[in-house]
Amino acid sequence: MKNTTPMRGIHRLFACTLLLLAMASHAHEPRIIALGGDVTGIVHALGSLSEVVAVDNTSTWPASVKKLPDVGYVRQLNTEGILALNPSHILATHGAGPPDVLKQLQHFNVQTTQLNEAQNLKGIVEKVQQIGAVLNKPEQANTLQQQLEQQASILAQRVASMAYHPRAVVIMSTGTSGLMVAGNNTAAEHAITLAGGQHIVTDYSGYKPLSNEALITLQPDVLLLMQTSGNTPAETLLQLPAVKQTPAGKHQRVKAIDGEALLGFGVRTLEHATQLQAYFGDISNHE
């Protein structure tokens, strides 16, 4: 029987050579992996989406990113899967991880930039400037900053003119255990305040289930429901006995929100907060 071992060795050597040549050809080309919807949105706004070779599954905007390789959930990353894409730089949102994976990527000489958490305009601007520096787009970052500051100024004026600030509860998810809602020290709290509402779940921090009795006691003017496929439709939510006993239920005020856009504190947050303020404004005018 003919010995094919030498030929297999040649094939392996040839394949390795091609891989090394491919990696060398990208040595001076930016190959960005964007981790987090806020990060991907800013990269797009700065005009550098063409440099992105992969994203995580929380990156859904713009729609064109859905055609890119998906490295999985932003908090459960895999070192091997990311390295296989031969990135030159990782741009990661504040919650990306696990931390050990990010450290391993740095060990393999992949530049990694993890952004700080943002909960206001200052934090968004810091993200824009940091990403602009990595992408060598300082002028575009400055222009984007000016646009965001103008949006924020207009929004603040509209909020200041409101005679009444509606009492809001943000429902992150619905299920058999009840309504999972946002408490203190959450992006939801800061986003609602930014849009001119009153965030009224103040007995705890983070995200926890809210009992029917507690919902009735809070008497929210509006329920803000995360716009996800797994959540109960607004029409069904309005039929719940506890919801019916609140001003939100009596006036049919359940509004779906885009969590990634509003709560991500990226380039779309102010736009969506402005839309939400208009909704709050209508409620205010009827109180």
Protein backbone atom coordinates (compact mmCIF):
# COMPACT_ATOMS: atom_id res chain seq x y z
CA MET A 1 0.00 0.00 0.00
CA LYS A 2 1.32 3.39 -0.99
CA ASN A 3 2.52 5.60 1.87
CA THR A 4 0.60 8.93 1.77
CA THR A 5 2.06 10.38 4.99
CA PRO A 6 4.62 12.67 3.25
CA MET A 7 1.89 14.03 0.97
CA ARG A 8 -0.37 14.77 3.95
CA GLY A 9 2.51 16.60 5.59
CA ILE A 10 2.98 18.72 2.49
CA HIS A 11 -0.75 19.53 2.45
CA ARG A 12 -0.63 20.59 6.09
CA LEU A 13 2.44 22.74 5.46
CA PHE A 14 0.75 24.33 2.44
CA ALA A 15 -2.40 25.08 4.48
CA CYS A 16 -0.36 26.63 7.29
CA THR A 17 1.56 28.72 4.79
CA LEU A 18 -1.69 30.03 3.29
CA LEU A 19 -2.97 30.89 6.79
CA LEU A 20 0.21 32.77 7.62
CA LEU A 21 0.08 34.64 4.34
CA ALA A 22 -3.55 35.58 4.97
CA MET A 23 -2.68 36.85 8.45
CA ALA A 24 0.24 38.81 7.08
CA SER A 25 -1.94 40.39 4.41
CA HIS A 26 -4.17 41.77 7.17
CA ALA A 27 -1.29 42.98 9.32
CA HIS A 28 -1.87 46.61 8.36
CA GLU A 29 -5.63 46.42 7.82
CA PRO A 30 -7.96 47.18 10.73
CA ARG A 31 -9.97 44.11 11.67
CA ILE A 32 -12.32 45.20 14.42
CA ILE A 33 -14.56 42.96 16.50
CA ALA A 34 -17.28 45.12 18.08
CA LEU A 35 -18.77 43.73 21.29
CA GLY A 36 -21.96 45.44 22.44
CA GLY A 37 -24.74 47.21 20.61
CA ASP A 38 -23.58 50.57 21.95
CA VAL A 39 -20.07 50.00 20.57
CA THR A 40 -21.25 48.80 17.16
CA GLY A 41 -23.61 51.76 16.85
CA ILE A 42 -20.84 54.26 17.56
CA VAL A 43 -18.46 52.57 15.09
CA HIS A 44 -21.20 52.83 12.47
CA ALA A 45 -21.88 56.49 13.29
CA LEU A 46 -18.17 57.24 12.87
CA GLY A 47 -18.17 55.68 9.40
CA SER A 48 -15.97 52.67 10.20
CA LEU A 49 -18.36 49.76 9.95
CA SER A 50 -16.42 48.45 6.95
CA GLU A 51 -13.52 47.71 9.33
CA VAL A 52 -15.69 45.43 11.51
CA VAL A 53 -15.24 41.71 10.84
CA ALA A 54 -17.54 40.36 13.58
CA VAL A 55 -20.00 41.43 16.27
CA ASP A 56 -21.76 39.89 19.27
CA ASN A 57 -25.44 38.96 19.31
CA THR A 58 -26.53 42.13 21.12
CA SER A 59 -25.40 44.17 18.11
CA THR A 60 -28.51 44.45 15.95
CA TRP A 61 -28.16 47.96 14.49
CA PRO A 62 -27.64 48.85 11.74
CA ALA A 63 -29.35 45.88 10.07
CA SER A 64 -26.28 45.20 7.90
CA VAL A 65 -24.33 43.87 10.93
CA LYS A 66 -26.55 40.78 10.91
CA LYS A 67 -24.57 39.62 7.88
CA LEU A 68 -21.32 39.60 9.89
CA PRO A 69 -19.99 36.62 11.88
CA ASP A 70 -21.53 36.44 15.37
CA VAL A 71 -19.18 35.64 18.27
CA GLY A 72 -22.05 34.92 20.65
CA TYR A 73 -23.37 36.55 23.79
CA VAL A 74 -21.28 39.50 24.90
CA ARG A 75 -20.88 38.19 28.47
CA GLN A 76 -20.01 34.63 27.43
CA LEU A 77 -17.23 35.08 24.90
CA ASN A 78 -14.91 32.35 23.65
CA THR A 79 -11.20 33.03 23.12
CA GLU A 80 -10.68 30.51 20.31
CA GLY A 81 -13.68 31.67 18.33
CA ILE A 82 -12.53 35.28 18.44
CA LEU A 83 -8.89 34.49 17.59
CA ALA A 84 -10.01 32.46 14.58
CA LEU A 85 -11.27 35.72 13.05
CA ASN A 86 -7.76 37.24 13.24
CA PRO A 87 -8.82 40.56 14.79
CA SER A 88 -6.49 43.52 15.06
CA HIS A 89 -8.54 45.17 17.81
CA ILE A 90 -11.39 44.31 20.15
CA LEU A 91 -13.77 47.12 21.07
CA ALA A 92 -15.80 45.91 24.04
CA THR A 93 -18.70 47.37 25.98
CA HIS A 94 -18.32 47.64 29.76
CA GLY A 95 -20.11 44.35 30.49
CA ALA A 96 -18.20 42.17 28.02
CA GLY A 97 -16.54 39.06 29.35
CA PRO A 98 -15.72 36.86 31.05
CA PRO A 99 -12.72 38.99 32.15
CA ASP A 100 -10.37 36.02 31.70
CA VAL A 101 -11.22 35.88 27.99
CA LEU A 102 -10.33 39.54 27.50
CA LYS A 103 -7.04 38.97 29.32
CA GLN A 104 -6.27 35.96 27.11
CA LEU A 105 -6.89 38.03 23.98
CA GLN A 106 -4.41 40.63 25.21
CA HIS A 107 -1.94 37.81 25.89
CA PHE A 108 -2.21 36.88 22.20
CA ASN A 109 -1.32 40.49 21.30
CA VAL A 110 -4.86 41.46 20.29
CA GLN A 111 -5.38 45.08 21.28
CA THR A 112 -8.43 45.26 23.52
CA THR A 113 -10.29 48.38 24.56
CA GLN A 114 -13.06 48.01 27.13
CA LEU A 115 -15.25 51.06 27.58
CA ASN A 116 -16.60 52.46 30.82
CA GLU A 117 -20.29 52.21 31.63
CA ALA A 118 -22.31 55.24 30.54
CA GLN A 119 -25.49 56.48 32.21
CA ASN A 120 -25.65 60.06 30.92
CA LEU A 121 -24.54 62.32 28.07
CA LYS A 122 -21.02 62.65 29.48
CA GLY A 123 -20.61 58.88 29.44
CA ILE A 124 -21.86 58.60 25.86
CA VAL A 125 -19.44 61.31 24.74
CA GLU A 126 -16.55 59.54 26.47
CA LYS A 127 -17.38 56.37 24.52
CA VAL A 128 -17.51 58.29 21.26
CA GLN A 129 -14.14 59.96 21.88
CA GLN A 130 -12.49 56.72 23.02
CA ILE A 131 -13.70 54.77 20.01
CA GLY A 132 -12.84 57.67 17.72
CA ALA A 133 -9.25 57.57 19.01
CA VAL A 134 -8.96 53.82 18.37
CA LEU A 135 -10.36 54.18 14.85
CA ASN A 136 -8.23 57.28 14.16
CA LYS A 137 -11.39 59.31 13.56
CA PRO A 138 -10.98 62.29 15.96
CA GLU A 139 -12.70 64.80 13.68
CA GLN A 140 -15.69 62.53 13.12
CA ALA A 141 -15.87 61.92 16.88
CA ASN A 142 -15.92 65.66 17.55
CA THR A 143 -18.70 66.17 14.99
CA LEU A 144 -20.72 63.34 16.51
CA GLN A 145 -20.19 64.77 19.98
CA GLN A 146 -21.59 68.13 18.85
CA GLN A 147 -24.65 66.43 17.37
CA LEU A 148 -25.29 64.51 20.59
CA GLU A 149 -24.86 67.61 22.74
CA GLN A 150 -27.36 69.48 20.56
CA GLN A 151 -29.87 66.63 20.90
CA ALA A 152 -29.35 66.59 24.67
CA SER A 153 -29.87 70.34 24.94
CA ILE A 154 -33.18 70.22 23.06
CA LEU A 155 -34.34 67.24 25.11
CA ALA A 156 -33.46 68.94 28.41
CA GLN A 157 -35.49 72.03 27.41
CA ARG A 158 -38.52 69.90 26.60
CA VAL A 159 -38.26 67.99 29.87
CA ALA A 160 -37.94 71.25 31.83
CA SER A 161 -41.17 72.54 30.25
CA MET A 162 -43.24 69.54 31.39
CA ALA A 163 -45.85 70.39 34.02
CA TYR A 164 -46.04 66.77 35.18
CA HIS A 165 -43.55 63.90 35.00
CA PRO A 166 -45.38 60.59 34.55
CA ARG A 167 -44.70 57.76 36.99
CA ALA A 168 -43.11 54.92 35.03
CA VAL A 169 -42.22 51.26 35.62
CA VAL A 170 -39.85 49.55 33.18
CA ILE A 171 -40.73 45.89 32.57
CA MET A 172 -37.66 43.99 31.41
CA SER A 173 -39.40 40.64 30.98
CA THR A 174 -42.66 38.85 31.70
CA GLY A 175 -43.14 35.27 32.81
CA THR A 176 -44.60 32.83 35.30
CA SER A 177 -42.65 34.40 38.17
CA GLY A 178 -44.25 37.78 37.50
CA LEU A 179 -42.97 40.99 36.03
CA MET A 180 -39.20 41.50 36.08
CA VAL A 181 -38.71 45.25 36.49
CA ALA A 182 -35.86 47.73 36.74
CA GLY A 183 -34.96 49.19 40.13
CA ASN A 184 -32.43 51.76 41.29
CA ASN A 185 -28.95 52.14 39.78
CA THR A 186 -29.95 50.73 36.40
CA ALA A 187 -29.70 52.06 32.87
CA ALA A 188 -33.50 52.05 32.82
CA GLU A 189 -33.69 54.42 35.76
CA HIS A 190 -31.34 56.91 34.11
CA ALA A 191 -33.04 56.63 30.72
CA ILE A 192 -36.50 57.31 32.17
CA THR A 193 -35.22 60.34 34.07
CA LEU A 194 -33.48 61.57 30.89
CA ALA A 195 -36.80 61.36 29.03
CA GLY A 196 -38.69 63.27 31.70
CA GLY A 197 -40.41 60.46 33.55
CA GLN A 198 -40.39 59.47 37.22
CA HIS A 199 -38.74 56.13 37.88
CA ILE A 200 -40.79 54.85 40.83
CA VAL A 201 -39.32 51.42 41.65
CA THR A 202 -36.96 52.58 44.40
CA ASP A 203 -37.03 49.85 47.05
CA TYR A 204 -34.15 47.87 45.53
CA SER A 205 -31.31 48.05 43.02
CA GLY A 206 -30.93 46.05 39.84
CA TYR A 207 -33.60 43.92 38.21
CA LYS A 208 -36.05 41.88 40.30
CA PRO A 209 -39.60 40.48 40.12
CA LEU A 210 -42.38 42.84 41.20
CA SER A 211 -45.42 41.41 42.98
CA ASN A 212 -48.97 42.29 41.95
CA GLU A 213 -49.51 44.00 45.29
CA ALA A 214 -46.40 46.16 44.84
CA LEU A 215 -47.46 47.15 41.31
CA ILE A 216 -50.87 48.26 42.56
CA THR A 217 -49.27 50.23 45.40
CA LEU A 218 -46.92 52.03 43.00
CA GLN A 219 -49.79 53.23 40.80
CA PRO A 220 -47.72 53.85 37.66
CA ASP A 221 -49.05 56.17 34.96
CA VAL A 222 -47.29 54.13 32.28
CA LEU A 223 -45.67 50.72 31.87
CA LEU A 224 -42.67 50.58 29.55
CA LEU A 225 -42.23 47.11 28.06
CA MET A 226 -39.02 45.85 26.50
CA GLN A 227 -39.60 45.13 22.83
CA THR A 228 -38.51 41.49 22.69
CA SER A 229 -40.05 38.39 21.14
CA GLY A 230 -40.35 36.60 24.49
CA ASN A 231 -42.37 39.26 26.27
CA THR A 232 -46.13 39.29 26.73
CA PRO A 233 -47.83 41.57 24.18
CA ALA A 234 -49.07 44.90 25.50
CA GLU A 235 -52.68 43.89 24.86
CA THR A 236 -52.30 40.82 27.07
CA LEU A 237 -50.47 42.77 29.78
CA LEU A 238 -53.38 45.21 29.97
CA GLN A 239 -55.72 42.35 30.81
CA LEU A 240 -53.86 41.41 34.01
CA PRO A 241 -56.00 42.20 37.09
CA ALA A 242 -53.15 44.02 38.87
CA VAL A 243 -52.42 46.19 35.81
CA LYS A 244 -56.11 47.10 35.51
CA GLN A 245 -55.95 48.61 39.02
CA THR A 246 -53.29 51.16 38.00
CA PRO A 247 -53.59 54.41 36.04
CA ALA A 248 -51.48 52.75 33.32
CA GLY A 249 -54.07 50.00 32.95
CA LYS A 250 -57.11 52.25 33.20
CA HIS A 251 -55.75 54.54 30.46
CA GLN A 252 -54.26 51.74 28.30
CA ARG A 253 -50.71 53.06 28.70
CA VAL A 254 -48.29 50.27 27.90
CA LYS A 255 -45.52 51.36 25.55
CA ALA A 256 -42.94 49.07 23.94
CA ILE A 257 -39.37 50.38 23.97
CA ASP A 258 -36.22 49.35 22.12
CA GLY A 259 -33.96 48.37 25.00
CA GLU A 260 -30.71 48.31 23.03
CA ALA A 261 -31.34 51.79 21.64
CA LEU A 262 -32.71 53.48 24.77
CA LEU A 263 -30.87 51.68 27.57
CA GLY A 264 -27.53 51.08 25.83
CA PHE A 265 -26.43 54.70 26.22
CA GLY A 266 -25.00 54.89 22.75
CA VAL A 267 -25.61 57.13 19.75
CA ARG A 268 -29.33 56.26 19.53
CA THR A 269 -30.20 56.81 23.20
CA LEU A 270 -30.97 60.52 22.92
CA GLU A 271 -33.08 60.00 19.80
CA HIS A 272 -35.20 57.37 21.54
CA ALA A 273 -35.31 59.33 24.79
CA THR A 274 -36.68 62.28 22.79
CA GLN A 275 -39.40 60.05 21.33
CA LEU A 276 -40.24 58.79 24.81
CA GLN A 277 -40.35 62.36 26.14
CA ALA A 278 -42.98 63.19 23.51
CA TYR A 279 -45.05 60.27 24.81
CA PHE A 280 -44.57 61.41 28.40
CA GLY A 281 -45.47 64.94 27.30
CA ASP A 282 -48.82 63.77 25.95
CA ILE A 283 -49.56 62.09 29.30
CA SER A 284 -48.49 65.23 31.12
CA ASN A 285 -50.89 67.35 29.08
CA HIS A 286 -53.80 65.15 30.16
CA GLU A 287 -53.02 65.12 33.87
